[in-house]
Amino acid sequence: MVFQYDMALGAAIAGMYIFMIVWFIINILILIWVYKDAKERDMSPILWVIVVFFCGICGLIIYLIVRK
């Protein structure tokens, strides 16, 4: 019985790690896209990457509203 709980706990922890890795990769891809898009639109790419990095999804929404 204890072995089953250990397996379930291990699977849950592995799932959390996979979720964190996927979330990290998605955030990196969003930051790269914001940088390239801001650069193409003659906006400050570094500023917008910092805003999106620290504000997350809210920063991305602000960028999408404000961009030229």
N, C-alpha and C. Protein backbone atom coordinates (compact mmCIF):
# COMPACT_ATOMS: atom_id res chain seq x y z
N MET A 1 0.82 -1.19 0.00
CA MET A 1 0.00 0.00 0.00
C MET A 1 0.87 1.27 0.00
N VAL A 2 1.92 1.27 0.81
CA VAL A 2 2.80 2.42 0.87
C VAL A 2 3.51 2.62 -0.46
N PHE A 3 3.84 1.51 -1.11
CA PHE A 3 4.52 1.59 -2.40
C PHE A 3 3.67 2.33 -3.44
N GLN A 4 2.36 2.12 -3.42
CA GLN A 4 1.47 2.80 -4.37
C GLN A 4 1.45 4.30 -4.12
N TYR A 5 1.44 4.70 -2.85
CA TYR A 5 1.46 6.12 -2.54
C TYR A 5 2.77 6.76 -2.97
N ASP A 6 3.87 6.03 -2.79
CA ASP A 6 5.17 6.55 -3.22
C ASP A 6 5.22 6.72 -4.73
N MET A 7 4.63 5.78 -5.45
CA MET A 7 4.59 5.87 -6.92
C MET A 7 3.73 7.07 -7.35
N ALA A 8 2.60 7.25 -6.69
CA ALA A 8 1.71 8.37 -7.03
C ALA A 8 2.39 9.70 -6.71
N LEU A 9 3.06 9.77 -5.58
CA LEU A 9 3.77 10.98 -5.22
C LEU A 9 4.89 11.28 -6.21
N GLY A 10 5.62 10.26 -6.61
CA GLY A 10 6.68 10.43 -7.59
C GLY A 10 6.15 10.90 -8.92
N ALA A 11 5.01 10.35 -9.34
CA ALA A 11 4.41 10.76 -10.61
C ALA A 11 3.94 12.21 -10.52
N ALA A 12 3.38 12.60 -9.38
CA ALA A 12 2.92 13.98 -9.21
C ALA A 12 4.09 14.96 -9.24
N ILE A 13 5.17 14.60 -8.59
CA ILE A 13 6.36 15.47 -8.59
C ILE A 13 6.95 15.55 -9.99
N ALA A 14 7.01 14.43 -10.70
CA ALA A 14 7.52 14.44 -12.08
C ALA A 14 6.63 15.31 -12.96
N GLY A 15 5.33 15.22 -12.78
CA GLY A 15 4.40 16.04 -13.55
C GLY A 15 4.60 17.53 -13.28
N MET A 16 4.85 17.87 -12.01
CA MET A 16 5.09 19.27 -11.68
C MET A 16 6.38 19.77 -12.33
N TYR A 17 7.41 18.95 -12.33
CA TYR A 17 8.67 19.34 -12.97
C TYR A 17 8.49 19.53 -14.47
N ILE A 18 7.75 18.63 -15.09
CA ILE A 18 7.50 18.77 -16.54
C ILE A 18 6.71 20.04 -16.81
N PHE A 19 5.69 20.32 -15.99
CA PHE A 19 4.91 21.54 -16.15
C PHE A 19 5.79 22.78 -16.00
N MET A 20 6.67 22.78 -15.00
CA MET A 20 7.55 23.94 -14.79
C MET A 20 8.50 24.13 -15.97
N ILE A 21 9.03 23.06 -16.51
CA ILE A 21 9.94 23.16 -17.65
C ILE A 21 9.21 23.69 -18.88
N VAL A 22 8.01 23.18 -19.14
CA VAL A 22 7.22 23.65 -20.28
C VAL A 22 6.86 25.12 -20.10
N TRP A 23 6.46 25.52 -18.89
CA TRP A 23 6.11 26.92 -18.60
C TRP A 23 7.33 27.82 -18.82
N PHE A 24 8.51 27.38 -18.39
CA PHE A 24 9.73 28.14 -18.57
C PHE A 24 10.05 28.31 -20.06
N ILE A 25 9.92 27.25 -20.83
CA ILE A 25 10.20 27.32 -22.28
C ILE A 25 9.22 28.26 -22.97
N ILE A 26 7.94 28.19 -22.60
CA ILE A 26 6.94 29.08 -23.19
C ILE A 26 7.27 30.53 -22.87
N ASN A 27 7.66 30.81 -21.63
CA ASN A 27 8.03 32.18 -21.25
C ASN A 27 9.23 32.68 -22.04
N ILE A 28 10.22 31.84 -22.22
CA ILE A 28 11.40 32.23 -23.01
C ILE A 28 11.00 32.53 -24.45
N LEU A 29 10.15 31.69 -25.04
CA LEU A 29 9.70 31.92 -26.41
C LEU A 29 8.90 33.22 -26.52
N ILE A 30 8.07 33.51 -25.53
CA ILE A 30 7.31 34.77 -25.53
C ILE A 30 8.26 35.95 -25.46
N LEU A 31 9.28 35.88 -24.60
CA LEU A 31 10.24 36.97 -24.49
C LEU A 31 11.01 37.18 -25.79
N ILE A 32 11.38 36.10 -26.45
CA ILE A 32 12.07 36.22 -27.74
C ILE A 32 11.16 36.86 -28.77
N TRP A 33 9.89 36.45 -28.80
CA TRP A 33 8.94 37.03 -29.75
C TRP A 33 8.73 38.51 -29.48
N VAL A 34 8.57 38.90 -28.21
CA VAL A 34 8.37 40.30 -27.86
C VAL A 34 9.59 41.11 -28.29
N TYR A 35 10.79 40.59 -28.05
CA TYR A 35 12.00 41.31 -28.44
C TYR A 35 12.03 41.55 -29.94
N LYS A 36 11.80 40.49 -30.72
CA LYS A 36 11.85 40.62 -32.18
C LYS A 36 10.74 41.53 -32.70
N ASP A 37 9.54 41.40 -32.16
CA ASP A 37 8.41 42.20 -32.61
C ASP A 37 8.62 43.68 -32.27
N ALA A 38 9.10 43.96 -31.06
CA ALA A 38 9.34 45.34 -30.67
C ALA A 38 10.45 45.96 -31.52
N LYS A 39 11.47 45.19 -31.84
CA LYS A 39 12.57 45.68 -32.67
C LYS A 39 12.07 46.00 -34.08
N GLU A 40 11.21 45.15 -34.65
CA GLU A 40 10.67 45.39 -35.99
C GLU A 40 9.77 46.63 -36.02
N ARG A 41 9.12 46.93 -34.90
CA ARG A 41 8.19 48.07 -34.84
C ARG A 41 8.88 49.34 -34.33
N ASP A 42 10.20 49.34 -34.24
CA ASP A 42 10.98 50.48 -33.77
C ASP A 42 10.55 50.95 -32.38
N MET A 43 10.27 49.97 -31.52
CA MET A 43 10.00 50.25 -30.12
C MET A 43 11.23 49.79 -29.34
N SER A 44 11.29 50.10 -28.07
CA SER A 44 12.44 49.69 -27.26
C SER A 44 12.31 48.21 -26.88
N PRO A 45 13.07 47.32 -27.54
CA PRO A 45 12.88 45.89 -27.27
C PRO A 45 13.30 45.48 -25.86
N ILE A 46 14.39 46.05 -25.36
CA ILE A 46 14.86 45.68 -24.03
C ILE A 46 13.84 46.09 -22.97
N LEU A 47 13.28 47.28 -23.11
CA LEU A 47 12.27 47.75 -22.16
C LEU A 47 11.07 46.80 -22.12
N TRP A 48 10.59 46.40 -23.30
CA TRP A 48 9.42 45.55 -23.35
C TRP A 48 9.72 44.14 -22.87
N VAL A 49 10.92 43.64 -23.10
CA VAL A 49 11.29 42.33 -22.57
C VAL A 49 11.30 42.38 -21.04
N ILE A 50 11.82 43.46 -20.48
CA ILE A 50 11.85 43.61 -19.02
C ILE A 50 10.43 43.68 -18.47
N VAL A 51 9.57 44.47 -19.13
CA VAL A 51 8.18 44.59 -18.68
C VAL A 51 7.48 43.24 -18.71
N VAL A 52 7.61 42.52 -19.81
CA VAL A 52 6.95 41.22 -19.94
C VAL A 52 7.56 40.21 -18.97
N PHE A 53 8.86 40.28 -18.75
CA PHE A 53 9.51 39.36 -17.82
C PHE A 53 8.98 39.53 -16.40
N PHE A 54 8.90 40.78 -15.95
CA PHE A 54 8.49 41.02 -14.57
C PHE A 54 6.98 41.00 -14.37
N CYS A 55 6.21 41.34 -15.39
CA CYS A 55 4.75 41.39 -15.25
C CYS A 55 4.05 40.17 -15.82
N GLY A 56 4.76 39.33 -16.53
CA GLY A 56 4.18 38.10 -17.04
C GLY A 56 3.11 38.34 -18.09
N ILE A 57 2.00 37.63 -17.94
CA ILE A 57 0.91 37.71 -18.90
C ILE A 57 0.34 39.13 -18.95
N CYS A 58 0.26 39.80 -17.81
CA CYS A 58 -0.24 41.19 -17.79
C CYS A 58 0.67 42.09 -18.63
N GLY A 59 1.97 41.91 -18.52
CA GLY A 59 2.91 42.67 -19.33
C GLY A 59 2.76 42.38 -20.81
N LEU A 60 2.50 41.13 -21.15
CA LEU A 60 2.29 40.76 -22.55
C LEU A 60 1.02 41.42 -23.09
N ILE A 61 -0.04 41.41 -22.31
CA ILE A 61 -1.28 42.06 -22.73
C ILE A 61 -1.09 43.56 -22.92
N ILE A 62 -0.35 44.18 -22.00
CA ILE A 62 -0.05 45.62 -22.13
C ILE A 62 0.73 45.86 -23.41
N TYR A 63 1.72 45.01 -23.69
CA TYR A 63 2.51 45.17 -24.90
C TYR A 63 1.62 45.04 -26.15
N LEU A 64 0.75 44.07 -26.16
CA LEU A 64 -0.12 43.86 -27.33
C LEU A 64 -1.06 45.04 -27.55
N ILE A 65 -1.48 45.70 -26.47
CA ILE A 65 -2.36 46.86 -26.59
C ILE A 65 -1.59 48.08 -27.05
N VAL A 66 -0.39 48.27 -26.52
CA VAL A 66 0.38 49.51 -26.74
C VAL A 66 1.18 49.49 -28.03
N ARG A 67 1.51 48.32 -28.55
CA ARG A 67 2.42 48.27 -29.71
C ARG A 67 1.84 49.01 -30.91
N LYS A 68 2.76 49.50 -31.73
CA LYS A 68 2.37 50.31 -32.89
C LYS A 68 1.77 49.45 -33.98
